[in-house]
Protein backbone atom coordinates (compact mmCIF):
# COMPACT_ATOMS: atom_id res chain seq x y z
CA UNK A 1 18.72 -107.99 -16.13
CA UNK A 2 21.35 -105.30 -16.63
CA UNK A 3 20.49 -102.24 -18.71
CA UNK A 4 22.83 -99.65 -20.25
CA UNK A 5 21.40 -96.94 -17.99
CA UNK A 6 22.00 -98.86 -14.75
CA UNK A 7 25.47 -99.93 -15.93
CA UNK A 8 26.37 -96.30 -16.47
CA UNK A 9 25.38 -95.43 -12.93
CA UNK A 10 27.98 -97.88 -11.60
CA UNK A 11 30.93 -95.90 -13.01
CA UNK A 12 32.97 -93.18 -11.38
CA UNK A 13 33.80 -89.77 -12.75
CA UNK A 14 37.45 -89.41 -13.79
CA UNK A 15 39.81 -87.81 -11.30
CA UNK A 16 40.92 -85.26 -13.88
CA UNK A 17 40.22 -84.06 -17.40
CA UNK A 18 42.70 -82.70 -19.92
CA UNK A 19 41.88 -79.15 -21.01
CA UNK A 20 44.28 -77.66 -23.52
CA UNK A 21 46.85 -80.29 -22.58
CA UNK A 22 46.60 -79.43 -18.85
CA UNK A 23 45.15 -81.88 -16.32
CA UNK A 24 42.37 -80.30 -14.24
CA UNK A 25 40.89 -81.94 -11.14
CA UNK A 26 40.05 -81.29 -7.49
CA UNK A 27 41.75 -78.16 -6.23
CA UNK A 28 42.68 -76.84 -9.68
CA UNK A 29 42.32 -73.11 -10.30
CA UNK A 30 40.36 -72.14 -13.41
CA UNK A 31 38.92 -69.07 -15.11
CA UNK A 32 35.22 -69.38 -15.96
CA UNK A 33 34.02 -68.67 -19.50
CA UNK A 34 30.35 -69.69 -19.88
CA UNK A 35 29.39 -70.10 -23.49
CA UNK A 36 26.49 -70.67 -25.87
CA UNK A 37 24.21 -73.08 -24.10
CA UNK A 38 23.10 -70.55 -21.46
CA UNK A 39 23.43 -67.32 -23.42
CA UNK A 40 22.07 -64.37 -21.47
CA UNK A 41 21.82 -66.25 -18.18
CA UNK A 42 22.31 -63.76 -15.33
CA UNK A 43 24.59 -66.16 -13.43
CA UNK A 44 26.75 -66.65 -16.51
CA UNK A 45 27.13 -62.91 -16.91
CA UNK A 46 28.14 -62.61 -13.24
CA UNK A 47 30.53 -65.58 -13.34
CA UNK A 48 32.23 -64.87 -16.67
CA UNK A 49 35.94 -64.25 -16.12
CA UNK A 50 35.86 -65.13 -12.41
CA UNK A 51 38.48 -67.39 -10.84
CA UNK A 52 37.20 -70.60 -9.29
CA UNK A 53 38.45 -73.76 -7.63
CA UNK A 54 37.35 -77.18 -8.89
CA UNK A 55 35.53 -78.95 -6.05
CA UNK A 56 34.71 -82.22 -7.84
CA UNK A 57 34.07 -83.85 -11.21
CA UNK A 58 30.83 -85.52 -12.26
CA UNK A 59 30.19 -87.79 -15.23
CA UNK A 60 26.82 -87.60 -16.96
CA UNK A 61 25.06 -90.66 -18.39
CA UNK A 62 26.14 -89.60 -21.89
CA UNK A 63 29.79 -89.72 -20.80
CA UNK A 64 30.32 -85.96 -20.65
CA UNK A 65 32.08 -84.52 -17.61
CA UNK A 66 30.89 -81.55 -15.57
CA UNK A 67 33.20 -79.62 -13.25
CA UNK A 68 31.65 -78.46 -9.97
CA UNK A 69 33.42 -75.25 -8.91
CA UNK A 70 33.35 -72.72 -6.09
CA UNK A 71 34.46 -69.12 -6.52
CA UNK A 72 37.88 -68.44 -5.07
CA UNK A 73 36.78 -65.13 -3.51
CA UNK A 74 33.30 -66.21 -2.39
CA UNK A 75 32.81 -65.38 1.33
CA UNK A 76 30.49 -68.39 1.41
CA UNK A 77 33.01 -70.68 -0.26
CA UNK A 78 32.74 -73.17 2.58
CA UNK A 79 29.05 -73.55 1.72
CA UNK A 80 29.99 -74.41 -1.84
CA UNK A 81 32.49 -76.99 -0.63
CA UNK A 82 29.66 -78.41 1.48
CA UNK A 83 27.69 -78.64 -1.80
CA UNK A 84 25.10 -76.01 -0.94
CA UNK A 85 23.24 -74.41 -3.88
CA UNK A 86 24.04 -70.81 -4.74
CA UNK A 87 27.75 -71.24 -3.95
CA UNK A 88 28.57 -74.18 -6.22
CA UNK A 89 28.31 -74.09 -10.01
CA UNK A 90 28.68 -76.59 -12.85
CA UNK A 91 30.65 -76.02 -16.05
CA UNK A 92 31.61 -78.14 -19.02
CA UNK A 93 35.30 -78.66 -19.72
CA UNK A 94 35.21 -76.25 -22.66
CA UNK A 95 33.85 -73.49 -20.40
CA UNK A 96 36.87 -73.25 -18.13
CA UNK A 97 40.45 -72.11 -18.67
CA UNK A 98 43.10 -73.81 -16.51
CA UNK A 99 45.42 -71.63 -14.44
CA UNK A 100 48.88 -72.81 -13.48
CA UNK A 101 50.67 -76.03 -14.32
CA UNK A 102 47.73 -78.32 -13.56
CA UNK A 103 47.68 -81.68 -11.81
CA UNK A 104 50.50 -84.15 -12.19
CA UNK A 105 49.36 -87.45 -13.76
CA UNK A 106 48.21 -89.78 -10.99
CA UNK A 107 48.30 -87.00 -8.39
CA UNK A 108 46.98 -88.26 -5.02
CA UNK A 109 43.56 -87.17 -3.76
CA UNK A 110 43.37 -86.31 -0.04
CA UNK A 111 40.27 -85.39 1.97
CA UNK A 112 40.58 -83.34 5.16
CA UNK A 113 37.39 -83.56 7.23
CA UNK A 114 36.75 -81.28 10.19
CA UNK A 115 34.25 -82.91 12.54
CA UNK A 116 32.59 -82.00 15.83
CA UNK A 117 29.75 -80.05 17.40
CA UNK A 118 30.34 -76.29 17.56
CA UNK A 119 27.69 -75.97 20.29
CA UNK A 120 29.70 -78.09 22.72
CA UNK A 121 32.82 -75.98 23.40
CA UNK A 122 36.04 -77.81 22.47
CA UNK A 123 34.10 -80.50 20.63
CA UNK A 124 34.13 -77.97 17.77
CA UNK A 125 37.93 -78.23 17.48
CA UNK A 126 37.88 -80.05 14.12
CA UNK A 127 35.44 -77.54 12.64
CA UNK A 128 37.74 -74.65 13.59
CA UNK A 129 40.79 -76.38 12.09
CA UNK A 130 38.86 -76.94 8.84
CA UNK A 131 37.92 -73.26 8.78
CA UNK A 132 41.54 -72.20 9.18
CA UNK A 133 42.78 -74.68 6.58
CA UNK A 134 40.22 -73.46 4.05
CA UNK A 135 42.01 -70.10 4.14
CA UNK A 136 45.38 -71.66 3.28
CA UNK A 137 46.84 -72.53 -0.11
CA UNK A 138 46.89 -76.32 -0.28
CA UNK A 139 48.12 -78.65 -3.04
CA UNK A 140 45.75 -79.49 -5.88
CA UNK A 141 43.98 -82.75 -5.12
CA UNK A 142 43.34 -81.77 -1.49
CA UNK A 143 39.83 -80.94 -0.32
CA UNK A 144 39.00 -79.48 3.09
CA UNK A 145 35.42 -79.67 4.34
CA UNK A 146 33.64 -78.99 7.62
CA UNK A 147 31.37 -81.99 8.20
CA UNK A 148 30.32 -80.96 11.70
CA UNK A 149 28.08 -83.75 13.00
CA UNK A 150 27.05 -85.00 9.54
CA UNK A 151 28.37 -88.53 9.92
CA UNK A 152 26.31 -89.98 7.07
CA UNK A 153 27.53 -87.27 4.71
CA UNK A 154 31.13 -88.08 5.57
CA UNK A 155 30.59 -91.81 5.05
CA UNK A 156 29.20 -91.13 1.58
CA UNK A 157 31.94 -88.60 0.77
CA UNK A 158 34.51 -91.31 1.48
CA UNK A 159 33.02 -93.29 -1.41
CA UNK A 160 34.41 -90.69 -3.81
CA UNK A 161 37.74 -92.41 -4.63
CA UNK A 162 40.05 -90.73 -2.10
CA UNK A 163 43.60 -92.03 -1.64
CA UNK A 164 43.76 -90.76 1.95
CA UNK A 165 41.58 -89.03 4.52
CA UNK A 166 42.54 -86.91 7.51
CA UNK A 167 39.81 -86.58 10.15
CA UNK A 168 40.27 -83.71 12.61
CA UNK A 169 38.42 -83.98 15.92
CA UNK A 170 38.52 -83.48 19.68
CA UNK A 171 39.88 -86.72 21.17
CA UNK A 172 39.81 -87.15 24.96
CA UNK A 173 42.65 -89.50 25.93
CA UNK A 174 43.57 -88.26 29.40
CA UNK A 175 46.63 -86.16 28.60
CA UNK A 176 47.19 -82.43 29.11
CA UNK A 177 44.56 -80.23 27.41
CA UNK A 178 45.78 -79.04 24.03
CA UNK A 179 47.87 -82.17 23.38
CA UNK A 180 47.74 -83.12 19.70
CA UNK A 181 47.57 -86.72 18.53
CA UNK A 182 48.01 -88.46 15.19
CA UNK A 183 46.09 -91.74 15.26
CA UNK A 184 45.75 -94.41 12.58
CA UNK A 185 42.46 -96.18 13.42
CA UNK A 186 42.38 -99.96 13.40
CA UNK A 187 38.91 -101.17 12.47
CA UNK A 188 37.67 -104.62 13.41
CA UNK A 189 36.47 -106.26 10.20
CA UNK A 190 33.64 -107.92 12.13
CA UNK A 191 32.13 -104.73 13.54
CA UNK A 192 31.44 -102.96 10.26
CA UNK A 193 27.90 -104.18 9.49
CA UNK A 194 26.65 -103.16 12.95
CA UNK A 195 28.38 -99.79 12.91
CA UNK A 196 25.60 -97.52 11.68
CA UNK A 197 26.18 -93.87 12.65
CA UNK A 198 23.55 -91.61 14.14
CA UNK A 199 22.17 -89.42 11.35
CA UNK A 200 22.47 -86.45 13.71
CA UNK A 201 25.78 -87.31 15.35
CA UNK A 202 29.41 -88.03 14.56
CA UNK A 203 31.31 -91.06 15.80
CA UNK A 204 34.40 -91.31 13.55
CA UNK A 205 34.91 -95.05 14.13
CA UNK A 206 31.29 -95.83 13.18
CA UNK A 207 31.53 -93.52 10.15
CA UNK A 208 34.66 -95.30 8.90
CA UNK A 209 33.06 -98.68 9.47
CA UNK A 210 29.97 -97.64 7.52
CA UNK A 211 32.14 -96.27 4.69
CA UNK A 212 33.80 -99.67 4.40
CA UNK A 213 30.43 -101.44 4.36
CA UNK A 214 29.23 -99.08 1.63
CA UNK A 215 32.17 -100.17 -0.45
CA UNK A 216 35.12 -97.79 -0.17
CA UNK A 217 37.57 -96.68 2.49
CA UNK A 218 40.75 -94.77 1.58
CA UNK A 219 43.98 -96.74 1.77
CA UNK A 220 45.25 -94.35 4.44
CA UNK A 221 43.07 -92.82 7.16
CA UNK A 222 44.54 -90.69 9.94
CA UNK A 223 42.85 -88.88 12.82
CA UNK A 224 44.40 -85.63 14.03
CA UNK A 225 43.02 -85.21 17.52
CA UNK A 226 43.24 -82.64 20.29
CA UNK A 227 42.85 -83.26 24.01
CA UNK A 228 39.95 -80.95 24.96
CA UNK A 229 39.99 -78.60 27.92
CA UNK A 230 36.25 -77.84 28.00
CA UNK A 231 33.76 -80.27 26.51
CA UNK A 232 30.05 -80.64 27.23
CA UNK A 233 27.94 -83.77 27.16
CA UNK A 234 25.34 -83.93 24.36
CA UNK A 235 22.53 -83.80 26.97
CA UNK A 236 24.01 -80.72 28.69
CA UNK A 237 21.54 -77.83 28.45
CA UNK A 238 24.31 -75.26 28.09
CA UNK A 239 25.48 -73.98 24.71
CA UNK A 240 29.11 -72.88 24.43
CA UNK A 241 29.86 -71.76 20.89
CA UNK A 242 33.56 -71.06 21.33
CA UNK A 243 36.71 -73.02 21.96
CA UNK A 244 38.65 -72.71 25.17
CA UNK A 245 41.88 -70.65 24.86
CA UNK A 246 43.85 -73.90 25.09
CA UNK A 247 41.96 -75.57 22.22
CA UNK A 248 42.10 -72.40 20.11
CA UNK A 249 45.89 -72.29 20.44
CA UNK A 250 46.04 -75.99 19.60
CA UNK A 251 43.93 -75.39 16.47
CA UNK A 252 46.62 -73.12 15.04
CA UNK A 253 49.27 -75.74 15.75
CA UNK A 254 47.02 -78.41 14.23
CA UNK A 255 46.85 -76.49 10.95
CA UNK A 256 50.63 -76.80 10.59
CA UNK A 257 50.49 -80.46 11.62
CA UNK A 258 47.80 -81.25 9.04
CA UNK A 259 49.72 -79.43 6.31
CA UNK A 260 52.81 -81.47 7.19
CA UNK A 261 50.83 -84.72 7.09
CA UNK A 262 49.31 -83.77 3.73
CA UNK A 263 52.80 -83.29 2.33
CA UNK A 264 54.00 -86.64 3.71
CA UNK A 265 50.93 -88.48 2.44
CA UNK A 266 51.14 -87.00 -1.04
CA UNK A 267 54.84 -87.89 -1.28
CA UNK A 268 54.20 -91.47 -0.11
CA UNK A 269 51.17 -91.96 -2.34
CA UNK A 270 52.94 -90.50 -5.38
CA UNK A 271 55.88 -92.85 -4.82
CA UNK A 272 53.51 -95.82 -4.51
CA UNK A 273 51.71 -94.80 -7.69
CA UNK A 274 54.99 -94.48 -9.59
CA UNK A 275 56.12 -97.87 -8.30
CA UNK A 276 52.85 -99.47 -9.40
CA UNK A 277 53.17 -97.88 -12.86
CA UNK A 278 56.72 -99.21 -13.21
CA UNK A 279 55.59 -102.69 -12.12
CA UNK A 280 52.79 -102.67 -14.69
CA UNK A 281 55.28 -101.69 -17.41
CA UNK A 282 57.57 -104.56 -16.39
CA UNK A 283 54.64 -106.95 -16.46
CA UNK A 284 53.75 -105.69 -19.92
CA UNK A 285 50.24 -104.66 -18.87
């Protein structure tokens, strides 16, 4: 039998909240102004007036919305994006002040996931690209995260109502080292239930299949791959914690490629959203 509590757990947090007439969501810049409920808290005193970036929104059982934020100037900001405590903080909507114009209504949400093993030479290509992208100014609604070999974490992250996902990884395909690829994976509908990823490894195809089995896969998924120059087998006893010169140069080029793809995806998705809105108006819904 259904209960109000369990029904509430089935919902999703909104993509954005209106604060002072400005839409705030993933990627929005805000000033932090902790108030009343935690008066005298040492973290509140330290965070008051700081600039932060909204990482995600969370809806409580009572319907209230909490904004998870990371500090814009935090050297450990990538840890906050990876949802590690001490670098990620929660604020109510009335405790933040929006900066800038805010999100456009229906703005697309795009996840960029760097994946790979930094201990296996060029297999860490996607992780390096994510690190470089995290230092760039990207459109609101775009989230960059280094998932490393955390395949299960990525599969669950894809449940969070993304319009598109860009996976960045080393992809051996037999061409010249440093060659960049843009691949749109085609998943066999029959292989999903068997495609369970290794909890300590990362196979993008298995991760995407699991995400679909769990319930959600973004409408658009692209893989930005790089032909590796040096890559070690998982059972190799050597540890090489740096990219080859070829892969490092390709990582810089990949940053520009990913930024270009983000722009194209957001334009396409915005146009689709506008078209759907117009169709609904014509249908009278």
